[in-house]
Amino acid sequence: MPDNEEDKTRRELTKRLKAMQLEQQKRMLAKRYMTDGAYERLMNVRVSNYQLYNQIIEMIISAVQSNKFPDRITEKQLVGILERLTYQPETKIEYKRK
């Protein structure tokens, strides 16, 4: 029985290590293709909304692979991407009196 528990722990540690390595690769790629201001803003997004951060990273990876950004991504471009991803039309509330 102890061997089974040890194997389970080892698998869990391996899984966490792979996740950490993948996260590190994402950050290195972002740092390489973004200006310092844009990278700093992206790290702020990472802290506040991890799902949005993952969406942006995946977008950046695919854009870089397809050469959509010939230069480094600026903070202004990142803000534009953020606005597009988080846009929600303003709800309109109407009051009708009888």
N, C-alpha and C. Protein backbone atom coordinates (compact mmCIF):
# COMPACT_ATOMS: atom_id res chain seq x y z
N MET A 1 0.79 -1.21 0.00
CA MET A 1 0.00 0.00 0.00
C MET A 1 0.84 1.28 0.00
N PRO A 2 1.91 1.37 0.80
CA PRO A 2 2.70 2.60 0.81
C PRO A 2 3.29 2.93 -0.56
N ASP A 3 3.64 1.90 -1.35
CA ASP A 3 4.18 2.16 -2.68
C ASP A 3 3.16 2.87 -3.56
N ASN A 4 1.89 2.48 -3.45
CA ASN A 4 0.84 3.10 -4.23
C ASN A 4 0.70 4.58 -3.87
N GLU A 5 0.76 4.88 -2.60
CA GLU A 5 0.68 6.27 -2.14
C GLU A 5 1.89 7.07 -2.61
N GLU A 6 3.05 6.44 -2.59
CA GLU A 6 4.27 7.10 -3.04
C GLU A 6 4.20 7.38 -4.54
N ASP A 7 3.68 6.43 -5.31
CA ASP A 7 3.52 6.63 -6.76
C ASP A 7 2.55 7.77 -7.05
N LYS A 8 1.50 7.81 -6.28
CA LYS A 8 0.50 8.87 -6.47
C LYS A 8 1.12 10.23 -6.20
N THR A 9 1.89 10.33 -5.14
CA THR A 9 2.57 11.57 -4.79
C THR A 9 3.57 11.96 -5.86
N ARG A 10 4.31 11.00 -6.36
CA ARG A 10 5.30 11.25 -7.40
C ARG A 10 4.62 11.74 -8.68
N ARG A 11 3.50 11.12 -9.06
CA ARG A 11 2.76 11.56 -10.25
C ARG A 11 2.25 12.98 -10.08
N GLU A 12 1.75 13.29 -8.90
CA GLU A 12 1.24 14.63 -8.63
C GLU A 12 2.36 15.67 -8.72
N LEU A 13 3.51 15.34 -8.16
CA LEU A 13 4.65 16.26 -8.24
C LEU A 13 5.11 16.45 -9.68
N THR A 14 5.13 15.38 -10.45
CA THR A 14 5.51 15.46 -11.85
C THR A 14 4.53 16.34 -12.63
N LYS A 15 3.27 16.17 -12.34
CA LYS A 15 2.23 16.96 -13.00
C LYS A 15 2.40 18.45 -12.67
N ARG A 16 2.65 18.76 -11.41
CA ARG A 16 2.85 20.15 -11.00
C ARG A 16 4.09 20.74 -11.64
N LEU A 17 5.15 19.96 -11.71
CA LEU A 17 6.40 20.42 -12.31
C LEU A 17 6.20 20.75 -13.79
N LYS A 18 5.48 19.90 -14.51
CA LYS A 18 5.21 20.16 -15.92
C LYS A 18 4.38 21.42 -16.10
N ALA A 19 3.39 21.63 -15.23
CA ALA A 19 2.56 22.83 -15.29
C ALA A 19 3.40 24.08 -15.03
N MET A 20 4.32 23.98 -14.07
CA MET A 20 5.18 25.12 -13.77
C MET A 20 6.13 25.41 -14.93
N GLN A 21 6.64 24.37 -15.57
CA GLN A 21 7.53 24.56 -16.72
C GLN A 21 6.78 25.20 -17.89
N LEU A 22 5.55 24.76 -18.12
CA LEU A 22 4.74 25.33 -19.19
C LEU A 22 4.46 26.80 -18.92
N GLU A 23 4.13 27.13 -17.69
CA GLU A 23 3.89 28.52 -17.31
C GLU A 23 5.14 29.36 -17.51
N GLN A 24 6.29 28.84 -17.15
CA GLN A 24 7.55 29.55 -17.34
C GLN A 24 7.83 29.79 -18.82
N GLN A 25 7.55 28.79 -19.66
CA GLN A 25 7.75 28.95 -21.10
C GLN A 25 6.83 30.04 -21.65
N LYS A 26 5.59 30.07 -21.18
CA LYS A 26 4.64 31.10 -21.62
C LYS A 26 5.15 32.49 -21.26
N ARG A 27 5.63 32.64 -20.03
CA ARG A 27 6.14 33.94 -19.59
C ARG A 27 7.36 34.36 -20.40
N MET A 28 8.25 33.42 -20.67
CA MET A 28 9.45 33.75 -21.45
C MET A 28 9.06 34.19 -22.87
N LEU A 29 8.10 33.51 -23.46
CA LEU A 29 7.64 33.87 -24.79
C LEU A 29 7.00 35.25 -24.78
N ALA A 30 6.17 35.51 -23.78
CA ALA A 30 5.52 36.82 -23.67
C ALA A 30 6.57 37.91 -23.50
N LYS A 31 7.54 37.68 -22.66
CA LYS A 31 8.59 38.68 -22.42
C LYS A 31 9.39 38.96 -23.69
N ARG A 32 9.60 37.92 -24.49
CA ARG A 32 10.37 38.08 -25.72
C ARG A 32 9.62 38.91 -26.77
N TYR A 33 8.31 38.75 -26.85
CA TYR A 33 7.54 39.38 -27.91
C TYR A 33 6.73 40.59 -27.45
N MET A 34 6.97 41.05 -26.23
CA MET A 34 6.23 42.20 -25.71
C MET A 34 7.20 43.25 -25.18
N THR A 35 6.77 44.50 -25.22
CA THR A 35 7.56 45.55 -24.59
C THR A 35 7.45 45.39 -23.07
N ASP A 36 8.31 46.08 -22.35
CA ASP A 36 8.31 45.97 -20.89
C ASP A 36 6.97 46.40 -20.29
N GLY A 37 6.41 47.50 -20.80
CA GLY A 37 5.12 47.98 -20.29
C GLY A 37 4.00 46.99 -20.54
N ALA A 38 3.98 46.41 -21.73
CA ALA A 38 2.95 45.44 -22.07
C ALA A 38 3.09 44.18 -21.22
N TYR A 39 4.33 43.75 -21.01
CA TYR A 39 4.56 42.55 -20.20
C TYR A 39 4.12 42.79 -18.76
N GLU A 40 4.43 43.96 -18.24
CA GLU A 40 4.02 44.29 -16.87
C GLU A 40 2.50 44.30 -16.73
N ARG A 41 1.83 44.87 -17.72
CA ARG A 41 0.36 44.88 -17.70
C ARG A 41 -0.19 43.46 -17.78
N LEU A 42 0.43 42.62 -18.60
CA LEU A 42 -0.02 41.24 -18.72
C LEU A 42 0.14 40.50 -17.39
N MET A 43 1.23 40.76 -16.68
CA MET A 43 1.42 40.11 -15.38
C MET A 43 0.39 40.61 -14.37
N ASN A 44 -0.05 41.86 -14.49
CA ASN A 44 -1.12 42.36 -13.63
C ASN A 44 -2.44 41.64 -13.94
N VAL A 45 -2.68 41.40 -15.22
CA VAL A 45 -3.88 40.65 -15.62
C VAL A 45 -3.80 39.23 -15.07
N ARG A 46 -2.61 38.65 -15.11
CA ARG A 46 -2.41 37.29 -14.61
C ARG A 46 -2.81 37.18 -13.14
N VAL A 47 -2.46 38.19 -12.36
CA VAL A 47 -2.78 38.18 -10.94
C VAL A 47 -4.29 38.35 -10.72
N SER A 48 -4.91 39.21 -11.51
CA SER A 48 -6.31 39.52 -11.26
C SER A 48 -7.29 38.57 -11.95
N ASN A 49 -6.92 38.05 -13.13
CA ASN A 49 -7.86 37.19 -13.87
C ASN A 49 -7.05 36.16 -14.67
N TYR A 50 -6.81 35.01 -14.06
CA TYR A 50 -5.93 34.01 -14.67
C TYR A 50 -6.51 33.45 -15.98
N GLN A 51 -7.82 33.32 -16.07
CA GLN A 51 -8.42 32.81 -17.31
C GLN A 51 -8.20 33.77 -18.46
N LEU A 52 -8.38 35.05 -18.20
CA LEU A 52 -8.14 36.06 -19.23
C LEU A 52 -6.68 36.06 -19.65
N TYR A 53 -5.80 35.92 -18.68
CA TYR A 53 -4.36 35.84 -18.95
C TYR A 53 -4.07 34.67 -19.90
N ASN A 54 -4.65 33.51 -19.63
CA ASN A 54 -4.44 32.36 -20.50
C ASN A 54 -4.96 32.61 -21.90
N GLN A 55 -6.11 33.27 -22.02
CA GLN A 55 -6.66 33.60 -23.33
C GLN A 55 -5.69 34.49 -24.11
N ILE A 56 -5.18 35.50 -23.42
CA ILE A 56 -4.27 36.44 -24.07
C ILE A 56 -2.99 35.74 -24.50
N ILE A 57 -2.44 34.93 -23.62
CA ILE A 57 -1.20 34.20 -23.95
C ILE A 57 -1.42 33.33 -25.18
N GLU A 58 -2.52 32.60 -25.22
CA GLU A 58 -2.80 31.75 -26.38
C GLU A 58 -2.95 32.58 -27.65
N MET A 59 -3.60 33.74 -27.53
CA MET A 59 -3.74 34.64 -28.68
C MET A 59 -2.37 35.12 -29.16
N ILE A 60 -1.53 35.50 -28.22
CA ILE A 60 -0.21 36.01 -28.57
C ILE A 60 0.62 34.92 -29.24
N ILE A 61 0.57 33.72 -28.71
CA ILE A 61 1.33 32.61 -29.29
C ILE A 61 0.89 32.36 -30.73
N SER A 62 -0.42 32.31 -30.96
CA SER A 62 -0.90 32.06 -32.32
C SER A 62 -0.58 33.23 -33.24
N ALA A 63 -0.67 34.47 -32.74
CA ALA A 63 -0.36 35.65 -33.56
C ALA A 63 1.12 35.68 -33.93
N VAL A 64 1.97 35.35 -32.99
CA VAL A 64 3.41 35.34 -33.26
C VAL A 64 3.74 34.25 -34.27
N GLN A 65 3.12 33.09 -34.12
CA GLN A 65 3.39 31.98 -35.05
C GLN A 65 2.93 32.31 -36.47
N SER A 66 1.88 33.11 -36.60
CA SER A 66 1.39 33.47 -37.92
C SER A 66 1.92 34.83 -38.38
N ASN A 67 2.89 35.36 -37.66
CA ASN A 67 3.56 36.63 -38.00
C ASN A 67 2.61 37.82 -38.11
N LYS A 68 1.59 37.87 -37.28
CA LYS A 68 0.68 39.01 -37.28
C LYS A 68 1.28 40.22 -36.59
N PHE A 69 2.26 39.99 -35.73
CA PHE A 69 2.95 41.08 -35.05
C PHE A 69 4.42 41.05 -35.48
N PRO A 70 4.77 41.87 -36.48
CA PRO A 70 6.16 41.86 -36.94
C PRO A 70 7.12 42.40 -35.88
N ASP A 71 6.65 43.35 -35.06
CA ASP A 71 7.46 43.91 -33.99
C ASP A 71 6.95 43.38 -32.66
N ARG A 72 7.53 43.88 -31.59
CA ARG A 72 7.07 43.50 -30.26
C ARG A 72 5.71 44.12 -29.99
N ILE A 73 4.90 43.44 -29.21
CA ILE A 73 3.57 43.93 -28.87
C ILE A 73 3.71 45.04 -27.84
N THR A 74 3.10 46.19 -28.15
CA THR A 74 3.19 47.33 -27.25
C THR A 74 2.06 47.28 -26.22
N GLU A 75 2.19 48.14 -25.24
CA GLU A 75 1.15 48.21 -24.22
C GLU A 75 -0.18 48.66 -24.83
N LYS A 76 -0.11 49.57 -25.79
CA LYS A 76 -1.32 50.05 -26.46
C LYS A 76 -2.03 48.91 -27.21
N GLN A 77 -1.25 48.08 -27.89
CA GLN A 77 -1.83 46.94 -28.60
C GLN A 77 -2.45 45.95 -27.61
N LEU A 78 -1.77 45.73 -26.48
CA LEU A 78 -2.29 44.81 -25.47
C LEU A 78 -3.60 45.34 -24.89
N VAL A 79 -3.67 46.63 -24.65
CA VAL A 79 -4.91 47.23 -24.14
C VAL A 79 -6.04 47.01 -25.15
N GLY A 80 -5.73 47.14 -26.44
CA GLY A 80 -6.73 46.89 -27.47
C GLY A 80 -7.22 45.45 -27.45
N ILE A 81 -6.30 44.52 -27.27
CA ILE A 81 -6.66 43.10 -27.18
C ILE A 81 -7.54 42.87 -25.95
N LEU A 82 -7.15 43.46 -24.83
CA LEU A 82 -7.93 43.33 -23.60
C LEU A 82 -9.34 43.89 -23.77
N GLU A 83 -9.45 45.03 -24.43
CA GLU A 83 -10.76 45.63 -24.64
C GLU A 83 -11.65 44.73 -25.50
N ARG A 84 -11.06 44.14 -26.53
CA ARG A 84 -11.85 43.24 -27.38
C ARG A 84 -12.30 42.00 -26.64
N LEU A 85 -11.43 41.45 -25.80
CA LEU A 85 -11.77 40.22 -25.08
C LEU A 85 -12.77 40.46 -23.94
N THR A 86 -12.75 41.64 -23.37
CA THR A 86 -13.60 41.89 -22.20
C THR A 86 -14.79 42.78 -22.51
N TYR A 87 -15.01 43.11 -23.78
CA TYR A 87 -16.11 44.01 -24.14
C TYR A 87 -17.44 43.38 -23.81
N GLN A 88 -18.26 44.15 -23.12
CA GLN A 88 -19.63 43.75 -22.84
C GLN A 88 -20.52 44.94 -23.12
N PRO A 89 -21.49 44.77 -23.99
CA PRO A 89 -22.35 45.91 -24.30
C PRO A 89 -23.07 46.38 -23.03
N GLU A 90 -23.25 47.68 -22.96
CA GLU A 90 -23.91 48.25 -21.79
C GLU A 90 -25.38 47.84 -21.78
N THR A 91 -25.82 47.37 -20.64
CA THR A 91 -27.22 46.97 -20.54
C THR A 91 -28.09 48.21 -20.41
N LYS A 92 -29.24 48.13 -21.00
CA LYS A 92 -30.15 49.27 -20.98
C LYS A 92 -31.39 48.86 -20.19
N ILE A 93 -31.69 49.63 -19.19
CA ILE A 93 -32.84 49.35 -18.34
C ILE A 93 -33.90 50.41 -18.60
N GLU A 94 -35.08 49.94 -18.93
CA GLU A 94 -36.18 50.87 -19.19
C GLU A 94 -37.25 50.66 -18.14
N TYR A 95 -37.75 51.77 -17.62
CA TYR A 95 -38.83 51.71 -16.64
C TYR A 95 -40.13 52.13 -17.32
N LYS A 96 -41.12 51.31 -17.21
CA LYS A 96 -42.42 51.63 -17.80
C LYS A 96 -43.43 51.78 -16.66
N ARG A 97 -44.10 52.89 -16.67
CA ARG A 97 -45.12 53.11 -15.65
C ARG A 97 -46.48 52.82 -16.23
N LYS A 98 -47.33 52.30 -15.39
CA LYS A 98 -48.68 51.98 -15.85
C LYS A 98 -49.64 53.08 -15.47
